[in-house]
Amino acid sequence: MERLRSAWFWLVGRIGVSRLVRWEHRLLYWRFGGAGILGRSLGNLTVILIAVGRRSGHVREVPLWAYPDRGRLVLVGTNGGRKPVPGWVFNLRAQPDARIRLHRTVRPVHSYEASDAEWDRLWTLVTAAYPGYLAYQRWIQRPIPLVVLESTDGRPLVEEPGLVEVEESVATGT
């Protein structure tokens, strides 16, 4: 059974980071405003990260799963279970101010990598939502960056009723 789960997580990771899927997803997300499977896949919220490439200086748009945390969003730098750190992480390290497209709305954000103290709680949150990250962690054997996006316009990025209570119970195991 564990082998089947690992194969499933491998397949999800490889398909999710393929150039064709990222290109199509970005266009369809824009066209349909992130409705249906474009806005949530496997139960995970999908957003489009809009950031400046650190070397090219060109705007890059990347569809990513995002996890709500107290009005912020958390992105996971696993690269679909591949060893290299994803390029978008380096782009945000070089230029932490970016934008996200959440459904039909584009919002300005500031990003930072979770500190050691915050990382454990957030890792529990994201792996509860998608256990595949635990398999990815075994495969890639490198620190996995958790990037937190905070709104720069003073409004929470997401508002989901009851979310804080759910997150706290996941993080504490109660």
N, C-alpha and C. Protein backbone atom coordinates (compact mmCIF):
# COMPACT_ATOMS: atom_id res chain seq x y z
N MET A 1 0.82 -1.20 0.00
CA MET A 1 0.00 0.00 0.00
C MET A 1 0.86 1.26 0.00
N GLU A 2 1.93 1.24 0.84
CA GLU A 2 2.82 2.40 0.90
C GLU A 2 3.49 2.63 -0.45
N ARG A 3 3.81 1.57 -1.14
CA ARG A 3 4.44 1.70 -2.46
C ARG A 3 3.48 2.38 -3.46
N LEU A 4 2.22 2.02 -3.38
CA LEU A 4 1.21 2.62 -4.25
C LEU A 4 1.05 4.11 -3.95
N ARG A 5 1.03 4.46 -2.65
CA ARG A 5 0.94 5.88 -2.26
C ARG A 5 2.14 6.66 -2.78
N SER A 6 3.33 6.07 -2.64
CA SER A 6 4.55 6.74 -3.12
C SER A 6 4.49 6.95 -4.62
N ALA A 7 4.01 5.94 -5.34
CA ALA A 7 3.89 6.06 -6.80
C ALA A 7 2.91 7.18 -7.16
N TRP A 8 1.80 7.26 -6.42
CA TRP A 8 0.81 8.31 -6.66
C TRP A 8 1.43 9.69 -6.43
N PHE A 9 2.14 9.87 -5.31
CA PHE A 9 2.77 11.16 -5.01
C PHE A 9 3.82 11.50 -6.07
N TRP A 10 4.57 10.51 -6.53
CA TRP A 10 5.57 10.73 -7.57
C TRP A 10 4.88 11.24 -8.84
N LEU A 11 3.80 10.58 -9.24
CA LEU A 11 3.06 10.96 -10.44
C LEU A 11 2.50 12.38 -10.32
N VAL A 12 1.89 12.69 -9.20
CA VAL A 12 1.34 14.04 -8.98
C VAL A 12 2.44 15.08 -9.08
N GLY A 13 3.59 14.80 -8.47
CA GLY A 13 4.70 15.73 -8.51
C GLY A 13 5.24 15.95 -9.90
N ARG A 14 5.41 14.87 -10.65
CA ARG A 14 5.98 14.99 -12.00
C ARG A 14 5.03 15.72 -12.96
N ILE A 15 3.77 15.38 -12.87
CA ILE A 15 2.79 16.05 -13.74
C ILE A 15 2.67 17.52 -13.36
N GLY A 16 2.62 17.79 -12.06
CA GLY A 16 2.42 19.16 -11.59
C GLY A 16 3.52 20.12 -11.97
N VAL A 17 4.76 19.64 -12.12
CA VAL A 17 5.86 20.56 -12.45
C VAL A 17 6.26 20.50 -13.92
N SER A 18 5.54 19.74 -14.72
CA SER A 18 5.88 19.67 -16.14
C SER A 18 5.60 21.02 -16.81
N ARG A 19 6.42 21.38 -17.76
CA ARG A 19 6.28 22.67 -18.44
C ARG A 19 4.92 22.82 -19.12
N LEU A 20 4.46 21.76 -19.76
CA LEU A 20 3.17 21.83 -20.46
C LEU A 20 2.03 22.10 -19.48
N VAL A 21 2.00 21.37 -18.39
CA VAL A 21 0.91 21.55 -17.42
C VAL A 21 0.98 22.95 -16.80
N ARG A 22 2.18 23.41 -16.44
CA ARG A 22 2.29 24.76 -15.86
C ARG A 22 1.83 25.82 -16.85
N TRP A 23 2.19 25.67 -18.13
CA TRP A 23 1.80 26.64 -19.15
C TRP A 23 0.28 26.62 -19.35
N GLU A 24 -0.29 25.42 -19.53
CA GLU A 24 -1.74 25.30 -19.72
C GLU A 24 -2.51 25.80 -18.50
N HIS A 25 -2.06 25.40 -17.31
CA HIS A 25 -2.77 25.77 -16.10
C HIS A 25 -2.82 27.28 -15.94
N ARG A 26 -1.70 27.93 -16.21
CA ARG A 26 -1.66 29.38 -16.08
C ARG A 26 -2.67 30.05 -17.02
N LEU A 27 -2.72 29.60 -18.27
CA LEU A 27 -3.66 30.18 -19.24
C LEU A 27 -5.12 29.89 -18.87
N LEU A 28 -5.39 28.65 -18.52
CA LEU A 28 -6.77 28.29 -18.17
C LEU A 28 -7.20 28.96 -16.87
N TYR A 29 -6.29 29.09 -15.93
CA TYR A 29 -6.60 29.77 -14.67
C TYR A 29 -6.99 31.22 -14.96
N TRP A 30 -6.22 31.87 -15.82
CA TRP A 30 -6.51 33.26 -16.18
C TRP A 30 -7.86 33.35 -16.87
N ARG A 31 -8.12 32.44 -17.82
CA ARG A 31 -9.34 32.48 -18.61
C ARG A 31 -10.59 32.22 -17.77
N PHE A 32 -10.52 31.25 -16.87
CA PHE A 32 -11.69 30.85 -16.10
C PHE A 32 -11.67 31.33 -14.65
N GLY A 33 -10.69 32.13 -14.30
CA GLY A 33 -10.65 32.73 -12.98
C GLY A 33 -10.42 31.75 -11.84
N GLY A 34 -9.74 30.65 -12.12
CA GLY A 34 -9.45 29.70 -11.06
C GLY A 34 -10.67 28.93 -10.58
N ALA A 35 -11.68 28.80 -11.43
CA ALA A 35 -12.89 28.09 -11.04
C ALA A 35 -12.67 26.57 -11.09
N GLY A 36 -13.36 25.86 -10.22
CA GLY A 36 -13.34 24.40 -10.23
C GLY A 36 -11.97 23.82 -9.97
N ILE A 37 -11.61 22.83 -10.78
CA ILE A 37 -10.34 22.13 -10.59
C ILE A 37 -9.13 23.05 -10.78
N LEU A 38 -9.31 24.14 -11.48
CA LEU A 38 -8.19 25.08 -11.68
C LEU A 38 -7.87 25.84 -10.39
N GLY A 39 -8.85 26.02 -9.53
CA GLY A 39 -8.64 26.75 -8.29
C GLY A 39 -8.34 25.86 -7.10
N ARG A 40 -8.72 24.60 -7.21
CA ARG A 40 -8.42 23.61 -6.16
C ARG A 40 -8.15 22.29 -6.84
N SER A 41 -6.99 21.72 -6.58
CA SER A 41 -6.72 20.39 -7.09
C SER A 41 -6.28 19.51 -5.93
N LEU A 42 -6.85 18.33 -5.87
CA LEU A 42 -6.65 17.40 -4.75
C LEU A 42 -6.92 18.08 -3.41
N GLY A 43 -7.85 19.02 -3.42
CA GLY A 43 -8.23 19.73 -2.20
C GLY A 43 -7.34 20.90 -1.85
N ASN A 44 -6.30 21.15 -2.63
CA ASN A 44 -5.35 22.21 -2.34
C ASN A 44 -5.68 23.46 -3.15
N LEU A 45 -5.61 24.60 -2.50
CA LEU A 45 -5.84 25.89 -3.15
C LEU A 45 -4.73 26.14 -4.16
N THR A 46 -5.10 26.52 -5.37
CA THR A 46 -4.11 26.85 -6.39
C THR A 46 -4.11 28.35 -6.62
N VAL A 47 -2.91 28.94 -6.64
CA VAL A 47 -2.73 30.35 -6.94
C VAL A 47 -1.69 30.47 -8.05
N ILE A 48 -1.63 31.63 -8.66
CA ILE A 48 -0.57 31.92 -9.63
C ILE A 48 0.36 32.93 -8.97
N LEU A 49 1.61 32.54 -8.78
CA LEU A 49 2.62 33.45 -8.25
C LEU A 49 3.18 34.26 -9.41
N ILE A 50 3.18 35.57 -9.26
CA ILE A 50 3.70 36.48 -10.29
C ILE A 50 4.92 37.17 -9.69
N ALA A 51 6.10 36.79 -10.15
CA ALA A 51 7.34 37.32 -9.59
C ALA A 51 8.30 37.67 -10.71
N VAL A 52 9.31 38.45 -10.37
CA VAL A 52 10.32 38.86 -11.34
C VAL A 52 11.46 37.85 -11.30
N GLY A 53 11.87 37.38 -12.48
CA GLY A 53 12.99 36.44 -12.57
C GLY A 53 14.26 37.10 -12.09
N ARG A 54 15.02 36.42 -11.26
CA ARG A 54 16.20 37.01 -10.65
C ARG A 54 17.30 37.29 -11.66
N ARG A 55 17.39 36.49 -12.72
CA ARG A 55 18.44 36.72 -13.73
C ARG A 55 17.91 37.45 -14.95
N SER A 56 16.72 37.09 -15.40
CA SER A 56 16.19 37.68 -16.64
C SER A 56 15.56 39.05 -16.42
N GLY A 57 15.00 39.26 -15.23
CA GLY A 57 14.26 40.50 -14.98
C GLY A 57 12.86 40.47 -15.58
N HIS A 58 12.48 39.35 -16.20
CA HIS A 58 11.15 39.22 -16.80
C HIS A 58 10.15 38.72 -15.76
N VAL A 59 8.90 39.07 -15.97
CA VAL A 59 7.83 38.61 -15.08
C VAL A 59 7.60 37.12 -15.35
N ARG A 60 7.55 36.35 -14.27
CA ARG A 60 7.31 34.91 -14.34
C ARG A 60 6.02 34.59 -13.60
N GLU A 61 5.19 33.74 -14.19
CA GLU A 61 3.94 33.32 -13.56
C GLU A 61 3.97 31.81 -13.37
N VAL A 62 3.79 31.38 -12.12
CA VAL A 62 3.89 29.96 -11.79
C VAL A 62 2.67 29.52 -11.00
N PRO A 63 1.95 28.50 -11.47
CA PRO A 63 0.84 27.96 -10.66
C PRO A 63 1.41 27.12 -9.52
N LEU A 64 0.92 27.37 -8.32
CA LEU A 64 1.41 26.67 -7.13
C LEU A 64 0.25 26.37 -6.19
N TRP A 65 0.42 25.33 -5.39
CA TRP A 65 -0.51 25.10 -4.31
C TRP A 65 -0.15 26.03 -3.17
N ALA A 66 -1.17 26.57 -2.52
CA ALA A 66 -0.96 27.50 -1.41
C ALA A 66 -1.86 27.06 -0.25
N TYR A 67 -1.34 27.27 0.95
CA TYR A 67 -2.04 26.82 2.14
C TYR A 67 -2.33 28.02 3.04
N PRO A 68 -3.60 28.31 3.30
CA PRO A 68 -3.97 29.44 4.14
C PRO A 68 -3.45 29.27 5.56
N ASP A 69 -2.94 30.35 6.11
CA ASP A 69 -2.46 30.37 7.49
C ASP A 69 -2.67 31.76 8.06
N ARG A 70 -3.75 31.93 8.82
CA ARG A 70 -4.02 33.18 9.51
C ARG A 70 -3.99 34.41 8.59
N GLY A 71 -4.67 34.29 7.47
CA GLY A 71 -4.75 35.41 6.52
C GLY A 71 -3.59 35.50 5.56
N ARG A 72 -2.61 34.62 5.73
CA ARG A 72 -1.46 34.58 4.83
C ARG A 72 -1.55 33.31 3.99
N LEU A 73 -0.61 33.14 3.06
CA LEU A 73 -0.53 31.91 2.30
C LEU A 73 0.87 31.33 2.44
N VAL A 74 0.94 30.01 2.47
CA VAL A 74 2.23 29.31 2.57
C VAL A 74 2.45 28.52 1.28
N LEU A 75 3.61 28.68 0.67
CA LEU A 75 4.02 27.94 -0.52
C LEU A 75 5.11 26.96 -0.12
N VAL A 76 5.14 25.81 -0.78
CA VAL A 76 6.08 24.75 -0.42
C VAL A 76 7.06 24.53 -1.57
N GLY A 77 8.36 24.67 -1.30
CA GLY A 77 9.39 24.57 -2.33
C GLY A 77 9.93 23.17 -2.53
N THR A 78 9.08 22.23 -2.97
CA THR A 78 9.54 20.85 -3.16
C THR A 78 9.90 20.54 -4.60
N ASN A 79 9.45 21.35 -5.54
CA ASN A 79 9.70 21.09 -6.96
C ASN A 79 9.15 19.73 -7.37
N GLY A 80 8.00 19.38 -6.82
CA GLY A 80 7.35 18.12 -7.17
C GLY A 80 8.15 16.89 -6.78
N GLY A 81 8.98 17.00 -5.75
CA GLY A 81 9.77 15.87 -5.29
C GLY A 81 11.11 15.74 -5.99
N ARG A 82 11.50 16.76 -6.73
CA ARG A 82 12.80 16.75 -7.41
C ARG A 82 13.85 17.43 -6.53
N LYS A 83 15.10 17.05 -6.74
CA LYS A 83 16.18 17.55 -5.89
C LYS A 83 16.41 19.05 -5.97
N PRO A 84 16.42 19.69 -7.15
CA PRO A 84 16.72 21.13 -7.15
C PRO A 84 15.63 21.95 -6.48
N VAL A 85 16.06 23.01 -5.81
CA VAL A 85 15.10 23.98 -5.26
C VAL A 85 14.43 24.65 -6.46
N PRO A 86 13.11 24.85 -6.43
CA PRO A 86 12.44 25.46 -7.58
C PRO A 86 12.90 26.90 -7.82
N GLY A 87 12.91 27.30 -9.08
CA GLY A 87 13.36 28.64 -9.47
C GLY A 87 12.59 29.75 -8.80
N TRP A 88 11.29 29.56 -8.58
CA TRP A 88 10.48 30.63 -7.99
C TRP A 88 10.98 30.96 -6.59
N VAL A 89 11.56 29.99 -5.86
CA VAL A 89 12.10 30.27 -4.52
C VAL A 89 13.27 31.24 -4.65
N PHE A 90 14.17 30.99 -5.60
CA PHE A 90 15.31 31.88 -5.81
C PHE A 90 14.84 33.27 -6.24
N ASN A 91 13.80 33.31 -7.07
CA ASN A 91 13.27 34.60 -7.51
C ASN A 91 12.74 35.41 -6.32
N LEU A 92 12.03 34.74 -5.40
CA LEU A 92 11.50 35.45 -4.23
C LEU A 92 12.61 35.81 -3.24
N ARG A 93 13.66 35.01 -3.17
CA ARG A 93 14.79 35.38 -2.32
C ARG A 93 15.45 36.65 -2.83
N ALA A 94 15.56 36.77 -4.16
CA ALA A 94 16.18 37.95 -4.76
C ALA A 94 15.27 39.17 -4.70
N GLN A 95 13.97 38.96 -4.87
CA GLN A 95 12.99 40.05 -4.87
C GLN A 95 11.75 39.57 -4.13
N PRO A 96 11.69 39.81 -2.81
CA PRO A 96 10.58 39.26 -2.01
C PRO A 96 9.21 39.88 -2.28
N ASP A 97 9.16 41.01 -2.96
CA ASP A 97 7.87 41.60 -3.28
C ASP A 97 7.38 41.01 -4.60
N ALA A 98 6.14 40.54 -4.59
CA ALA A 98 5.58 39.88 -5.77
C ALA A 98 4.08 40.12 -5.78
N ARG A 99 3.37 39.35 -6.59
CA ARG A 99 1.91 39.39 -6.63
C ARG A 99 1.40 37.96 -6.73
N ILE A 100 0.17 37.76 -6.34
CA ILE A 100 -0.48 36.47 -6.57
C ILE A 100 -1.82 36.71 -7.22
N ARG A 101 -2.19 35.77 -8.05
CA ARG A 101 -3.53 35.75 -8.65
C ARG A 101 -4.29 34.68 -7.90
N LEU A 102 -5.31 35.11 -7.19
CA LEU A 102 -6.18 34.20 -6.46
C LEU A 102 -7.56 34.34 -7.07
N HIS A 103 -7.94 33.36 -7.85
CA HIS A 103 -9.14 33.41 -8.68
C HIS A 103 -9.00 34.58 -9.66
N ARG A 104 -9.86 35.55 -9.62
CA ARG A 104 -9.76 36.66 -10.58
C ARG A 104 -9.08 37.90 -10.01
N THR A 105 -8.59 37.80 -8.80
CA THR A 105 -8.00 38.96 -8.13
C THR A 105 -6.49 38.83 -8.07
N VAL A 106 -5.79 39.92 -8.40
CA VAL A 106 -4.34 39.96 -8.26
C VAL A 106 -4.02 40.84 -7.07
N ARG A 107 -3.21 40.31 -6.15
CA ARG A 107 -2.89 41.02 -4.91
C ARG A 107 -1.38 41.17 -4.74
N PRO A 108 -0.93 42.31 -4.23
CA PRO A 108 0.50 42.46 -3.93
C PRO A 108 0.84 41.71 -2.64
N VAL A 109 2.02 41.09 -2.62
CA VAL A 109 2.45 40.33 -1.45
C VAL A 109 3.93 40.59 -1.17
N HIS A 110 4.28 40.32 0.06
CA HIS A 110 5.69 40.30 0.46
C HIS A 110 5.96 38.89 0.96
N SER A 111 7.08 38.32 0.56
CA SER A 111 7.38 36.93 0.92
C SER A 111 8.59 36.85 1.84
N TYR A 112 8.61 35.80 2.64
CA TYR A 112 9.79 35.47 3.43
C TYR A 112 9.76 33.97 3.69
N GLU A 113 10.95 33.41 3.92
CA GLU A 113 11.02 31.99 4.25
C GLU A 113 10.77 31.82 5.74
N ALA A 114 10.00 30.79 6.06
CA ALA A 114 9.64 30.53 7.45
C ALA A 114 10.89 30.28 8.29
N SER A 115 10.91 30.86 9.46
CA SER A 115 12.01 30.64 10.40
C SER A 115 11.91 29.23 10.97
N ASP A 116 12.96 28.79 11.64
CA ASP A 116 12.96 27.46 12.23
C ASP A 116 11.77 27.26 13.17
N ALA A 117 11.50 28.27 13.99
CA ALA A 117 10.39 28.18 14.95
C ALA A 117 9.05 28.05 14.24
N GLU A 118 8.87 28.79 13.19
CA GLU A 118 7.61 28.78 12.45
C GLU A 118 7.50 27.58 11.51
N TRP A 119 8.63 27.09 11.03
CA TRP A 119 8.67 26.03 10.03
C TRP A 119 7.95 24.77 10.52
N ASP A 120 8.20 24.35 11.74
CA ASP A 120 7.59 23.11 12.25
C ASP A 120 6.06 23.17 12.23
N ARG A 121 5.52 24.27 12.69
CA ARG A 121 4.06 24.41 12.70
C ARG A 121 3.50 24.42 11.28
N LEU A 122 4.16 25.16 10.39
CA LEU A 122 3.69 25.24 9.01
C LEU A 122 3.85 23.91 8.27
N TRP A 123 4.93 23.20 8.57
CA TRP A 123 5.14 21.89 7.94
C TRP A 123 4.02 20.93 8.33
N THR A 124 3.61 20.97 9.58
CA THR A 124 2.49 20.14 10.04
C THR A 124 1.22 20.52 9.29
N LEU A 125 1.01 21.81 9.10
CA LEU A 125 -0.17 22.30 8.38
C LEU A 125 -0.19 21.80 6.94
N VAL A 126 0.92 21.97 6.20
CA VAL A 126 0.93 21.60 4.78
C VAL A 126 0.91 20.10 4.57
N THR A 127 1.58 19.34 5.45
CA THR A 127 1.57 17.89 5.27
C THR A 127 0.22 17.28 5.66
N ALA A 128 -0.52 17.95 6.53
CA ALA A 128 -1.88 17.49 6.83
C ALA A 128 -2.77 17.66 5.61
N ALA A 129 -2.53 18.72 4.85
CA ALA A 129 -3.33 18.98 3.65
C ALA A 129 -2.90 18.10 2.48
N TYR A 130 -1.60 17.84 2.35
CA TYR A 130 -1.09 17.00 1.26
C TYR A 130 0.07 16.15 1.79
N PRO A 131 -0.20 14.89 2.17
CA PRO A 131 0.84 14.02 2.74
C PRO A 131 1.97 13.69 1.78
N GLY A 132 1.78 13.98 0.51
CA GLY A 132 2.84 13.74 -0.48
C GLY A 132 4.12 14.49 -0.16
N TYR A 133 4.01 15.61 0.55
CA TYR A 133 5.21 16.36 0.91
C TYR A 133 6.14 15.54 1.80
N LEU A 134 5.60 14.64 2.60
CA LEU A 134 6.44 13.78 3.43
C LEU A 134 7.27 12.83 2.55
N ALA A 135 6.64 12.31 1.51
CA ALA A 135 7.38 11.46 0.56
C ALA A 135 8.44 12.28 -0.16
N TYR A 136 8.08 13.48 -0.59
CA TYR A 136 9.05 14.34 -1.28
C TYR A 136 10.25 14.61 -0.38
N GLN A 137 9.99 14.84 0.90
CA GLN A 137 11.08 15.11 1.84
C GLN A 137 12.04 13.93 1.93
N ARG A 138 11.51 12.71 1.92
CA ARG A 138 12.37 11.52 1.95
C ARG A 138 13.20 11.41 0.68
N TRP A 139 12.59 11.75 -0.47
CA TRP A 139 13.27 11.58 -1.75
C TRP A 139 14.38 12.61 -1.97
N ILE A 140 14.11 13.85 -1.64
CA ILE A 140 15.05 14.91 -2.04
C ILE A 140 16.13 15.17 -1.00
N GLN A 141 15.90 14.83 0.23
CA GLN A 141 16.89 14.95 1.30
C GLN A 141 17.61 16.30 1.30
N ARG A 142 16.84 17.34 1.27
CA ARG A 142 17.35 18.71 1.42
C ARG A 142 16.33 19.49 2.21
N PRO A 143 16.74 20.59 2.81
CA PRO A 143 15.73 21.41 3.49
C PRO A 143 14.69 21.90 2.49
N ILE A 144 13.44 21.81 2.88
CA ILE A 144 12.35 22.25 2.01
C ILE A 144 11.92 23.65 2.45
N PRO A 145 12.09 24.63 1.57
CA PRO A 145 11.68 25.98 1.95
C PRO A 145 10.16 26.10 2.02
N LEU A 146 9.70 26.72 3.09
CA LEU A 146 8.30 27.11 3.21
C LEU A 146 8.28 28.62 3.10
N VAL A 147 7.63 29.12 2.08
CA VAL A 147 7.61 30.56 1.82
C VAL A 147 6.26 31.11 2.21
N VAL A 148 6.28 32.11 3.07
CA VAL A 148 5.06 32.74 3.56
C VAL A 148 4.81 34.01 2.76
N LEU A 149 3.59 34.15 2.27
CA LEU A 149 3.19 35.35 1.55
C LEU A 149 2.26 36.16 2.44
N GLU A 150 2.61 37.41 2.64
CA GLU A 150 1.78 38.32 3.42
C GLU A 150 1.27 39.43 2.52
N SER A 151 0.06 39.82 2.75
CA SER A 151 -0.53 40.92 1.99
C SER A 151 0.21 42.22 2.30
N THR A 152 0.38 43.05 1.28
CA THR A 152 0.98 44.37 1.52
C THR A 152 -0.07 45.48 1.47
N ASP A 153 -1.33 45.09 1.24
CA ASP A 153 -2.38 46.11 1.17
C ASP A 153 -3.22 46.16 2.45
N GLY A 154 -2.78 45.46 3.49
CA GLY A 154 -3.46 45.54 4.78
C GLY A 154 -4.65 44.62 4.96
N ARG A 155 -5.04 43.90 3.91
CA ARG A 155 -6.16 42.96 4.01
C ARG A 155 -5.62 41.54 4.01
N PRO A 156 -6.28 40.61 4.70
CA PRO A 156 -5.82 39.21 4.65
C PRO A 156 -5.92 38.67 3.23
N LEU A 157 -5.01 37.79 2.87
CA LEU A 157 -5.04 37.21 1.52
C LEU A 157 -6.22 36.27 1.34
N VAL A 158 -6.54 35.55 2.40
CA VAL A 158 -7.69 34.63 2.35
C VAL A 158 -8.44 34.72 3.66
N GLU A 159 -9.72 34.55 3.56
CA GLU A 159 -10.56 34.51 4.76
C GLU A 159 -11.41 33.26 4.67
N GLU A 160 -11.10 32.31 5.54
CA GLU A 160 -11.88 31.09 5.58
C GLU A 160 -12.37 30.91 7.00
N PRO A 161 -13.68 30.91 7.20
CA PRO A 161 -14.24 30.78 8.56
C PRO A 161 -13.76 29.50 9.23
N GLY A 162 -13.36 29.63 10.49
CA GLY A 162 -12.95 28.47 11.25
C GLY A 162 -11.55 27.99 10.95
N LEU A 163 -10.84 28.65 10.05
CA LEU A 163 -9.53 28.17 9.62
C LEU A 163 -8.51 28.18 10.74
N VAL A 164 -8.48 29.24 11.54
CA VAL A 164 -7.48 29.33 12.60
C VAL A 164 -7.65 28.19 13.59
N GLU A 165 -8.90 27.87 13.94
CA GLU A 165 -9.14 26.79 14.88
C GLU A 165 -8.67 25.45 14.31
N VAL A 166 -8.95 25.21 13.02
CA VAL A 166 -8.53 23.98 12.39
C VAL A 166 -7.01 23.90 12.36
N GLU A 167 -6.35 24.99 11.97
CA GLU A 167 -4.89 25.00 11.90
C GLU A 167 -4.28 24.72 13.26
N GLU A 168 -4.81 25.34 14.30
CA GLU A 168 -4.25 25.14 15.62
C GLU A 168 -4.44 23.71 16.11
N SER A 169 -5.58 23.09 15.77
CA SER A 169 -5.78 21.71 16.19
C SER A 169 -4.86 20.78 15.41
N VAL A 170 -4.59 21.07 14.14
CA VAL A 170 -3.65 20.27 13.36
C VAL A 170 -2.25 20.41 13.92
N ALA A 171 -1.84 21.64 14.22
CA ALA A 171 -0.50 21.90 14.70
C ALA A 171 -0.25 21.30 16.09
N THR A 172 -1.29 21.25 16.92
CA THR A 172 -1.12 20.73 18.28
C THR A 172 -1.52 19.26 18.38
N GLY A 173 -2.16 18.74 17.34
CA GLY A 173 -2.58 17.35 17.37
C GLY A 173 -3.81 17.08 18.21
N THR A 174 -4.60 18.13 18.50
CA THR A 174 -5.79 17.94 19.33
C THR A 174 -7.03 17.85 18.48
